[in-house]
């Protein structure tokens, strides 16, 4: 399991423990750096999900893919808003 699986609901303590654990194996990371990585990582995960669904648009009946893709619209917009606010 990696941080993206719990990051949406992660508390400050969760991330602090995660930072402590990974610093035992290499470079330490500041809390603000970890939060930025989590934000970007969550967006990349959303974009990958869109990529995984997109090939199904080529089939004769792409309705299932378009329905699935519609489900990503709100999370992608919210991610974009959070990314813009963090910049």
PDB file of N, CA and C in Angstrom:
ATOM      1  N   UNK A   1       0.849  -1.174   0.000  1.00  0.00           N
ATOM      2  CA  UNK A   1       0.000   0.000   0.000  1.00  0.00           C
ATOM      3  C   UNK A   1       0.893   1.234   0.000  1.00  0.00           C
ATOM      4  N   UNK A   2       0.471   2.224  -0.751  1.00  0.00           N
ATOM      5  CA  UNK A   2       1.229   3.466  -0.764  1.00  0.00           C
ATOM      6  C   UNK A   2       0.312   4.597  -0.342  1.00  0.00           C
ATOM      7  N   UNK A   3       0.882   5.759  -0.225  1.00  0.00           N
ATOM      8  CA  UNK A   3       0.173   6.891   0.352  1.00  0.00           C
ATOM      9  C   UNK A   3      -1.095   7.258  -0.416  1.00  0.00           C
ATOM     10  N   UNK A   4      -1.157   7.053  -1.717  1.00  0.00           N
ATOM     11  CA  UNK A   4      -2.335   7.471  -2.466  1.00  0.00           C
ATOM     12  C   UNK A   4      -3.591   6.744  -2.020  1.00  0.00           C
ATOM     13  N   UNK A   5      -3.459   5.545  -1.476  1.00  0.00           N
ATOM     14  CA  UNK A   5      -4.642   4.783  -1.095  1.00  0.00           C
ATOM     15  C   UNK A   5      -5.325   5.316   0.153  1.00  0.00           C
ATOM     16  N   UNK A   6      -4.613   6.044   0.970  1.00  0.00           N
ATOM     17  CA  UNK A   6      -5.257   6.605   2.163  1.00  0.00           C
ATOM     18  C   UNK A   6      -5.178   8.122   2.223  1.00  0.00           C
ATOM     19  N   UNK A   7      -4.546   8.742   1.265  1.00  0.00           N
ATOM     20  CA  UNK A   7      -4.227  10.170   1.357  1.00  0.00           C
ATOM     21  C   UNK A   7      -5.456  11.069   1.402  1.00  0.00           C
ATOM     22  N   UNK A   8      -6.539  10.696   0.763  1.00  0.00           N
ATOM     23  CA  UNK A   8      -7.713  11.553   0.744  1.00  0.00           C
ATOM     24  C   UNK A   8      -8.219  11.801   2.158  1.00  0.00           C
ATOM     25  N   UNK A   9      -8.147  10.793   2.989  1.00  0.00           N
ATOM     26  CA  UNK A   9      -8.643  10.921   4.354  1.00  0.00           C
ATOM     27  C   UNK A   9      -7.520  10.925   5.383  1.00  0.00           C
ATOM     28  N   UNK A  10      -6.312  11.115   4.932  1.00  0.00           N
ATOM     29  CA  UNK A  10      -5.163  11.053   5.840  1.00  0.00           C
ATOM     30  C   UNK A  10      -5.169  12.230   6.813  1.00  0.00           C
ATOM     31  N   UNK A  11      -4.859  11.907   8.038  1.00  0.00           N
ATOM     32  CA  UNK A  11      -4.703  12.952   9.043  1.00  0.00           C
ATOM     33  C   UNK A  11      -3.252  13.412   9.047  1.00  0.00           C
ATOM     34  N   UNK A  12      -3.001  14.473   9.756  1.00  0.00           N
ATOM     35  CA  UNK A  12      -1.625  14.973   9.899  1.00  0.00           C
ATOM     36  C   UNK A  12      -0.756  13.883  10.534  1.00  0.00           C
ATOM     37  N   UNK A  13      -1.311  13.134  11.490  1.00  0.00           N
ATOM     38  CA  UNK A  13      -0.564  12.048  12.140  1.00  0.00           C
ATOM     39  C   UNK A  13      -0.234  10.933  11.158  1.00  0.00           C
ATOM     40  N   UNK A  14      -1.199  10.591  10.283  1.00  0.00           N
ATOM     41  CA  UNK A  14      -0.965   9.548   9.284  1.00  0.00           C
ATOM     42  C   UNK A  14       0.220   9.920   8.396  1.00  0.00           C
ATOM     43  N   UNK A  15       0.200  11.146   7.899  1.00  0.00           N
ATOM     44  CA  UNK A  15       1.268  11.579   7.007  1.00  0.00           C
ATOM     45  C   UNK A  15       2.594  11.709   7.743  1.00  0.00           C
ATOM     46  N   UNK A  16       2.529  12.114   9.006  1.00  0.00           N
ATOM     47  CA  UNK A  16       3.754  12.210   9.806  1.00  0.00           C
ATOM     48  C   UNK A  16       4.387  10.828   9.969  1.00  0.00           C
ATOM     49  N   UNK A  17       3.568   9.824  10.261  1.00  0.00           N
ATOM     50  CA  UNK A  17       4.076   8.456  10.402  1.00  0.00           C
ATOM     51  C   UNK A  17       4.634   7.955   9.073  1.00  0.00           C
ATOM     52  N   UNK A  18       3.933   8.251   7.978  1.00  0.00           N
ATOM     53  CA  UNK A  18       4.394   7.849   6.653  1.00  0.00           C
ATOM     54  C   UNK A  18       5.755   8.484   6.354  1.00  0.00           C
ATOM     55  N   UNK A  19       5.868   9.795   6.616  1.00  0.00           N
ATOM     56  CA  UNK A  19       7.134  10.499   6.387  1.00  0.00           C
ATOM     57  C   UNK A  19       8.255   9.877   7.213  1.00  0.00           C
ATOM     58  N   UNK A  20       7.970   9.575   8.471  1.00  0.00           N
ATOM     59  CA  UNK A  20       8.981   8.980   9.353  1.00  0.00           C
ATOM     60  C   UNK A  20       9.436   7.631   8.809  1.00  0.00           C
ATOM     61  N   UNK A  21       8.483   6.835   8.361  1.00  0.00           N
ATOM     62  CA  UNK A  21       8.803   5.500   7.856  1.00  0.00           C
ATOM     63  C   UNK A  21       9.658   5.567   6.593  1.00  0.00           C
ATOM     64  N   UNK A  22       9.262   6.416   5.632  1.00  0.00           N
ATOM     65  CA  UNK A  22      10.044   6.447   4.395  1.00  0.00           C
ATOM     66  C   UNK A  22      11.414   7.089   4.611  1.00  0.00           C
ATOM     67  N   UNK A  23      11.531   7.975   5.598  1.00  0.00           N
ATOM     68  CA  UNK A  23      12.838   8.599   5.830  1.00  0.00           C
ATOM     69  C   UNK A  23      13.846   7.600   6.387  1.00  0.00           C
ATOM     70  N   UNK A  24      13.371   6.498   6.957  1.00  0.00           N
ATOM     71  CA  UNK A  24      14.271   5.451   7.438  1.00  0.00           C
ATOM     72  C   UNK A  24      14.970   4.747   6.272  1.00  0.00           C
ATOM     73  N   UNK A  25      14.402   4.863   5.069  1.00  0.00           N
ATOM     74  CA  UNK A  25      14.938   4.169   3.906  1.00  0.00           C
ATOM     75  C   UNK A  25      15.621   5.098   2.908  1.00  0.00           C
ATOM     76  N   UNK A  26      15.729   6.361   3.240  1.00  0.00           N
ATOM     77  CA  UNK A  26      16.372   7.270   2.302  1.00  0.00           C
ATOM     78  C   UNK A  26      16.129   8.710   2.688  1.00  0.00           C
ATOM     79  N   UNK A  27      15.951   9.526   1.684  1.00  0.00           N
ATOM     80  CA  UNK A  27      15.788  10.967   1.827  1.00  0.00           C
ATOM     81  C   UNK A  27      14.550  11.311   2.655  1.00  0.00           C
ATOM     82  N   UNK A  28      14.711  12.193   3.614  1.00  0.00           N
ATOM     83  CA  UNK A  28      13.549  12.650   4.371  1.00  0.00           C
ATOM     84  C   UNK A  28      12.780  13.663   3.527  1.00  0.00           C
ATOM     85  N   UNK A  29      11.514  13.816   3.847  1.00  0.00           N
ATOM     86  CA  UNK A  29      10.656  14.695   3.060  1.00  0.00           C
ATOM     87  C   UNK A  29       9.837  15.549   4.017  1.00  0.00           C
ATOM     88  N   UNK A  30       9.703  16.817   3.703  1.00  0.00           N
ATOM     89  CA  UNK A  30       8.925  17.736   4.538  1.00  0.00           C
ATOM     90  C   UNK A  30       7.438  17.487   4.337  1.00  0.00           C
ATOM     91  N   UNK A  31       6.648  17.885   5.312  1.00  0.00           N
ATOM     92  CA  UNK A  31       5.202  17.666   5.235  1.00  0.00           C
ATOM     93  C   UNK A  31       4.585  18.353   4.026  1.00  0.00           C
ATOM     94  N   UNK A  32       4.976  19.581   3.743  1.00  0.00           N
ATOM     95  CA  UNK A  32       4.408  20.285   2.592  1.00  0.00           C
ATOM     96  C   UNK A  32       4.806  19.617   1.274  1.00  0.00           C
ATOM     97  N   UNK A  33       6.007  19.063   1.209  1.00  0.00           N
ATOM     98  CA  UNK A  33       6.435  18.326   0.014  1.00  0.00           C
ATOM     99  C   UNK A  33       5.604  17.061  -0.164  1.00  0.00           C
ATOM    100  N   UNK A  34       5.358  16.361   0.945  1.00  0.00           N
ATOM    101  CA  UNK A  34       4.551  15.144   0.870  1.00  0.00           C
ATOM    102  C   UNK A  34       3.129  15.468   0.449  1.00  0.00           C
ATOM    103  N   UNK A  35       2.553  16.506   1.002  1.00  0.00           N
ATOM    104  CA  UNK A  35       1.183  16.899   0.606  1.00  0.00           C
ATOM    105  C   UNK A  35       1.134  17.248  -0.886  1.00  0.00           C
ATOM    106  N   UNK A  36       2.148  17.936  -1.391  1.00  0.00           N
ATOM    107  CA  UNK A  36       2.199  18.273  -2.823  1.00  0.00           C
ATOM    108  C   UNK A  36       2.304  17.006  -3.667  1.00  0.00           C
ATOM    109  N   UNK A  37       3.140  16.071  -3.241  1.00  0.00           N
ATOM    110  CA  UNK A  37       3.276  14.807  -3.974  1.00  0.00           C
ATOM    111  C   UNK A  37       1.992  14.009  -3.962  1.00  0.00           C
ATOM    112  N   UNK A  38       1.299  14.017  -2.836  1.00  0.00           N
ATOM    113  CA  UNK A  38       0.018  13.314  -2.730  1.00  0.00           C
ATOM    114  C   UNK A  38      -0.989  13.936  -3.694  1.00  0.00           C
ATOM    115  N   UNK A  39      -1.047  15.260  -3.728  1.00  0.00           N
ATOM    116  CA  UNK A  39      -1.970  15.960  -4.613  1.00  0.00           C
ATOM    117  C   UNK A  39      -1.684  15.618  -6.076  1.00  0.00           C
ATOM    118  N   UNK A  40      -0.439  15.711  -6.480  1.00  0.00           N
ATOM    119  CA  UNK A  40      -0.069  15.401  -7.859  1.00  0.00           C
ATOM    120  C   UNK A  40      -0.307  13.917  -8.162  1.00  0.00           C
ATOM    121  N   UNK A  41       0.060  13.064  -7.226  1.00  0.00           N
ATOM    122  CA  UNK A  41      -0.139  11.629  -7.417  1.00  0.00           C
ATOM    123  C   UNK A  41      -1.596  11.250  -7.581  1.00  0.00           C
ATOM    124  N   UNK A  42      -2.475  11.874  -6.803  1.00  0.00           N
ATOM    125  CA  UNK A  42      -3.906  11.593  -6.942  1.00  0.00           C
ATOM    126  C   UNK A  42      -4.406  12.005  -8.322  1.00  0.00           C
ATOM    127  N   UNK A  43      -3.916  13.141  -8.810  1.00  0.00           N
ATOM    128  CA  UNK A  43      -4.305  13.570 -10.153  1.00  0.00           C
ATOM    129  C   UNK A  43      -3.800  12.628 -11.229  1.00  0.00           C
ATOM    130  N   UNK A  44      -2.555  12.179 -11.083  1.00  0.00           N
ATOM    131  CA  UNK A  44      -2.017  11.224 -12.054  1.00  0.00           C
ATOM    132  C   UNK A  44      -2.828   9.928 -12.047  1.00  0.00           C
ATOM    133  N   UNK A  45      -3.264   9.527 -10.882  1.00  0.00           N
ATOM    134  CA  UNK A  45      -4.091   8.315 -10.787  1.00  0.00           C
ATOM    135  C   UNK A  45      -5.416   8.518 -11.521  1.00  0.00           C
ATOM    136  N   UNK A  46      -6.027   9.689 -11.377  1.00  0.00           N
ATOM    137  CA  UNK A  46      -7.255   9.989 -12.114  1.00  0.00           C
ATOM    138  C   UNK A  46      -7.006   9.990 -13.622  1.00  0.00           C
ATOM    139  N   UNK A  47      -5.912  10.628 -14.038  1.00  0.00           N
ATOM    140  CA  UNK A  47      -5.597  10.664 -15.466  1.00  0.00           C
ATOM    141  C   UNK A  47      -5.324   9.269 -16.019  1.00  0.00           C
ATOM    142  N   UNK A  48      -4.674   8.434 -15.239  1.00  0.00           N
ATOM    143  CA  UNK A  48      -4.432   7.047 -15.669  1.00  0.00           C
ATOM    144  C   UNK A  48      -5.756   6.302 -15.802  1.00  0.00           C
ATOM    145  N   UNK A  49      -6.681   6.552 -14.902  1.00  0.00           N
ATOM    146  CA  UNK A  49      -7.990   5.902 -14.986  1.00  0.00           C
ATOM    147  C   UNK A  49      -8.720   6.290 -16.268  1.00  0.00           C
ATOM    148  N   UNK A  50      -8.635   7.552 -16.630  1.00  0.00           N
ATOM    149  CA  UNK A  50      -9.233   8.012 -17.888  1.00  0.00           C
ATOM    150  C   UNK A  50      -8.557   7.301 -19.062  1.00  0.00           C
ATOM    151  N   UNK A  51      -7.256   7.173 -19.011  1.00  0.00           N
ATOM    152  CA  UNK A  51      -6.516   6.490 -20.072  1.00  0.00           C
ATOM    153  C   UNK A  51      -6.937   5.025 -20.182  1.00  0.00           C
ATOM    154  N   UNK A  52      -7.167   4.386 -19.053  1.00  0.00           N
ATOM    155  CA  UNK A  52      -7.562   2.969 -19.068  1.00  0.00           C
ATOM    156  C   UNK A  52      -8.936   2.776 -19.697  1.00  0.00           C
ATOM    157  N   UNK A  53      -9.809   3.754 -19.558  1.00  0.00           N
ATOM    158  CA  UNK A  53     -11.168   3.644 -20.101  1.00  0.00           C
ATOM    159  C   UNK A  53     -11.226   4.067 -21.562  1.00  0.00           C
ATOM    160  N   UNK A  54     -10.403   5.011 -21.951  1.00  0.00           N
ATOM    161  CA  UNK A  54     -10.474   5.613 -23.287  1.00  0.00           C
ATOM    162  C   UNK A  54     -10.447   4.627 -24.454  1.00  0.00           C
ATOM    163  N   UNK A  55      -9.653   3.561 -24.424  1.00  0.00           N
ATOM    164  CA  UNK A  55      -9.662   2.637 -25.576  1.00  0.00           C
ATOM    165  C   UNK A  55     -11.041   2.028 -25.854  1.00  0.00           C
ATOM    166  N   UNK A  56     -11.906   1.995 -24.861  1.00  0.00           N
ATOM    167  CA  UNK A  56     -13.238   1.427 -25.063  1.00  0.00           C
ATOM    168  C   UNK A  56     -14.144   2.341 -25.888  1.00  0.00           C
ATOM    169  N   UNK A  57     -13.705   3.570 -26.131  1.00  0.00           N
ATOM    170  CA  UNK A  57     -14.479   4.482 -26.965  1.00  0.00           C
ATOM    171  C   UNK A  57     -14.473   4.046 -28.429  1.00  0.00           C
ATOM    172  N   UNK A  58     -13.526   3.209 -28.812  1.00  0.00           N
ATOM    173  CA  UNK A  58     -13.405   2.753 -30.209  1.00  0.00           C
ATOM    174  C   UNK A  58     -14.398   1.651 -30.558  1.00  0.00           C
ATOM    175  N   UNK A  59     -15.018   1.051 -29.565  1.00  0.00           N
ATOM    176  CA  UNK A  59     -15.960  -0.038 -29.832  1.00  0.00           C
ATOM    177  C   UNK A  59     -17.245   0.520 -30.444  1.00  0.00           C
ATOM    178  N   UNK A  60     -17.997  -0.327 -31.134  1.00  0.00           N
ATOM    179  CA  UNK A  60     -19.224   0.144 -31.785  1.00  0.00           C
ATOM    180  C   UNK A  60     -20.225   0.793 -30.814  1.00  0.00           C
ATOM    181  N   UNK A  61     -20.229   0.368 -29.555  1.00  0.00           N
ATOM    182  CA  UNK A  61     -21.160   0.950 -28.577  1.00  0.00           C
ATOM    183  C   UNK A  61     -20.348   1.491 -27.400  1.00  0.00           C
ATOM    184  N   UNK A  62     -19.899   2.729 -27.499  1.00  0.00           N
ATOM    185  CA  UNK A  62     -19.018   3.294 -26.471  1.00  0.00           C
ATOM    186  C   UNK A  62     -19.743   3.834 -25.240  1.00  0.00           C
ATOM    187  N   UNK A  63     -21.051   3.558 -25.110  1.00  0.00           N
ATOM    188  CA  UNK A  63     -21.840   4.143 -24.025  1.00  0.00           C
ATOM    189  C   UNK A  63     -21.269   3.848 -22.644  1.00  0.00           C
ATOM    190  N   UNK A  64     -20.818   2.641 -22.440  1.00  0.00           N
ATOM    191  CA  UNK A  64     -20.285   2.282 -21.124  1.00  0.00           C
ATOM    192  C   UNK A  64     -19.039   3.123 -20.798  1.00  0.00           C
ATOM    193  N   UNK A  65     -18.190   3.299 -21.790  1.00  0.00           N
ATOM    194  CA  UNK A  65     -16.981   4.095 -21.577  1.00  0.00           C
ATOM    195  C   UNK A  65     -17.336   5.552 -21.315  1.00  0.00           C
ATOM    196  N   UNK A  66     -18.292   6.103 -22.064  1.00  0.00           N
ATOM    197  CA  UNK A  66     -18.643   7.508 -21.849  1.00  0.00           C
ATOM    198  C   UNK A  66     -19.290   7.711 -20.478  1.00  0.00           C
ATOM    199  N   UNK A  67     -20.074   6.736 -20.041  1.00  0.00           N
ATOM    200  CA  UNK A  67     -20.660   6.821 -18.700  1.00  0.00           C
ATOM    201  C   UNK A  67     -19.567   6.799 -17.642  1.00  0.00           C
ATOM    202  N   UNK A  68     -18.601   5.918 -17.806  1.00  0.00           N
ATOM    203  CA  UNK A  68     -17.485   5.835 -16.856  1.00  0.00           C
ATOM    204  C   UNK A  68     -16.666   7.119 -16.876  1.00  0.00           C
ATOM    205  N   UNK A  69     -16.405   7.632 -18.070  1.00  0.00           N
ATOM    206  CA  UNK A  69     -15.618   8.860 -18.182  1.00  0.00           C
ATOM    207  C   UNK A  69     -16.329  10.044 -17.530  1.00  0.00           C
ATOM    208  N   UNK A  70     -17.661  10.106 -17.645  1.00  0.00           N
ATOM    209  CA  UNK A  70     -18.410  11.179 -16.990  1.00  0.00           C
ATOM    210  C   UNK A  70     -18.188  11.165 -15.487  1.00  0.00           C
ATOM    211  N   UNK A  71     -17.990   9.976 -14.934  1.00  0.00           N
ATOM    212  CA  UNK A  71     -17.750   9.849 -13.507  1.00  0.00           C
ATOM    213  C   UNK A  71     -16.434  10.461 -13.060  1.00  0.00           C
ATOM    214  N   UNK A  72     -15.517  10.650 -13.977  1.00  0.00           N
ATOM    215  CA  UNK A  72     -14.223  11.252 -13.639  1.00  0.00           C
ATOM    216  C   UNK A  72     -14.221  12.773 -13.774  1.00  0.00           C
ATOM    217  N   UNK A  73     -15.265  13.331 -14.380  1.00  0.00           N
ATOM    218  CA  UNK A  73     -15.267  14.775 -14.628  1.00  0.00           C
ATOM    219  C   UNK A  73     -15.181  15.585 -13.334  1.00  0.00           C
ATOM    220  N   UNK A  74     -16.045  15.313 -12.382  1.00  0.00           N
ATOM    221  CA  UNK A  74     -16.030  16.083 -11.134  1.00  0.00           C
ATOM    222  C   UNK A  74     -14.719  15.918 -10.374  1.00  0.00           C
ATOM    223  N   UNK A  75     -14.233  14.676 -10.157  1.00  0.00           N
ATOM    224  CA  UNK A  75     -12.959  14.537  -9.457  1.00  0.00           C
ATOM    225  C   UNK A  75     -11.798  15.242 -10.169  1.00  0.00           C
ATOM    226  N   UNK A  76     -11.798  15.227 -11.500  1.00  0.00           N
ATOM    227  CA  UNK A  76     -10.728  15.915 -12.238  1.00  0.00           C
ATOM    228  C   UNK A  76     -10.829  17.429 -12.078  1.00  0.00           C
ATOM    229  N   UNK A  77     -12.049  17.955 -12.117  1.00  0.00           N
ATOM    230  CA  UNK A  77     -12.224  19.397 -11.915  1.00  0.00           C
ATOM    231  C   UNK A  77     -11.787  19.804 -10.502  1.00  0.00           C
ATOM    232  N   UNK A  78     -12.187  18.999  -9.515  1.00  0.00           N
ATOM    233  CA  UNK A  78     -11.804  19.289  -8.129  1.00  0.00           C
ATOM    234  C   UNK A  78     -10.288  19.219  -7.968  1.00  0.00           C
ATOM    235  N   UNK A  79      -9.674  18.241  -8.601  1.00  0.00           N
ATOM    236  CA  UNK A  79      -8.217  18.119  -8.544  1.00  0.00           C
ATOM    237  C   UNK A  79      -7.559  19.348  -9.181  1.00  0.00           C
ATOM    238  N   UNK A  80      -8.079  19.769 -10.334  1.00  0.00           N
ATOM    239  CA  UNK A  80      -7.542  20.948 -10.987  1.00  0.00           C
ATOM    240  C   UNK A  80      -7.670  22.200 -10.106  1.00  0.00           C
ATOM    241  N   UNK A  81      -8.786  22.322  -9.419  1.00  0.00           N
ATOM    242  CA  UNK A  81      -8.988  23.458  -8.515  1.00  0.00           C
ATOM    243  C   UNK A  81      -7.993  23.414  -7.356  1.00  0.00           C
ATOM    244  N   UNK A  82      -7.810  22.219  -6.779  1.00  0.00           N
ATOM    245  CA  UNK A  82      -6.854  22.077  -5.673  1.00  0.00           C
ATOM    246  C   UNK A  82      -5.424  22.341  -6.137  1.00  0.00           C
ATOM    247  N   UNK A  83      -5.116  21.883  -7.335  1.00  0.00           N
ATOM    248  CA  UNK A  83      -3.782  22.105  -7.905  1.00  0.00           C
ATOM    249  C   UNK A  83      -3.548  23.595  -8.135  1.00  0.00           C
ATOM    250  N   UNK A  84      -4.542  24.288  -8.683  1.00  0.00           N
ATOM    251  CA  UNK A  84      -4.405  25.720  -8.918  1.00  0.00           C
ATOM    252  C   UNK A  84      -4.267  26.489  -7.608  1.00  0.00           C
ATOM    253  N   UNK A  85      -5.015  26.074  -6.600  1.00  0.00           N
ATOM    254  CA  UNK A  85      -4.946  26.753  -5.302  1.00  0.00           C
ATOM    255  C   UNK A  85      -3.598  26.540  -4.636  1.00  0.00           C
ATOM    256  N   UNK A  86      -2.963  25.404  -4.897  1.00  0.00           N
ATOM    257  CA  UNK A  86      -1.678  25.077  -4.274  1.00  0.00           C
ATOM    258  C   UNK A  86      -0.518  25.772  -4.974  1.00  0.00           C
ATOM    259  N   UNK A  87      -0.736  26.214  -6.213  1.00  0.00           N
ATOM    260  CA  UNK A  87       0.347  26.826  -6.994  1.00  0.00           C
ATOM    261  C   UNK A  87       0.697  28.219  -6.512  1.00  0.00           C
TER     262      UNK A  87
END
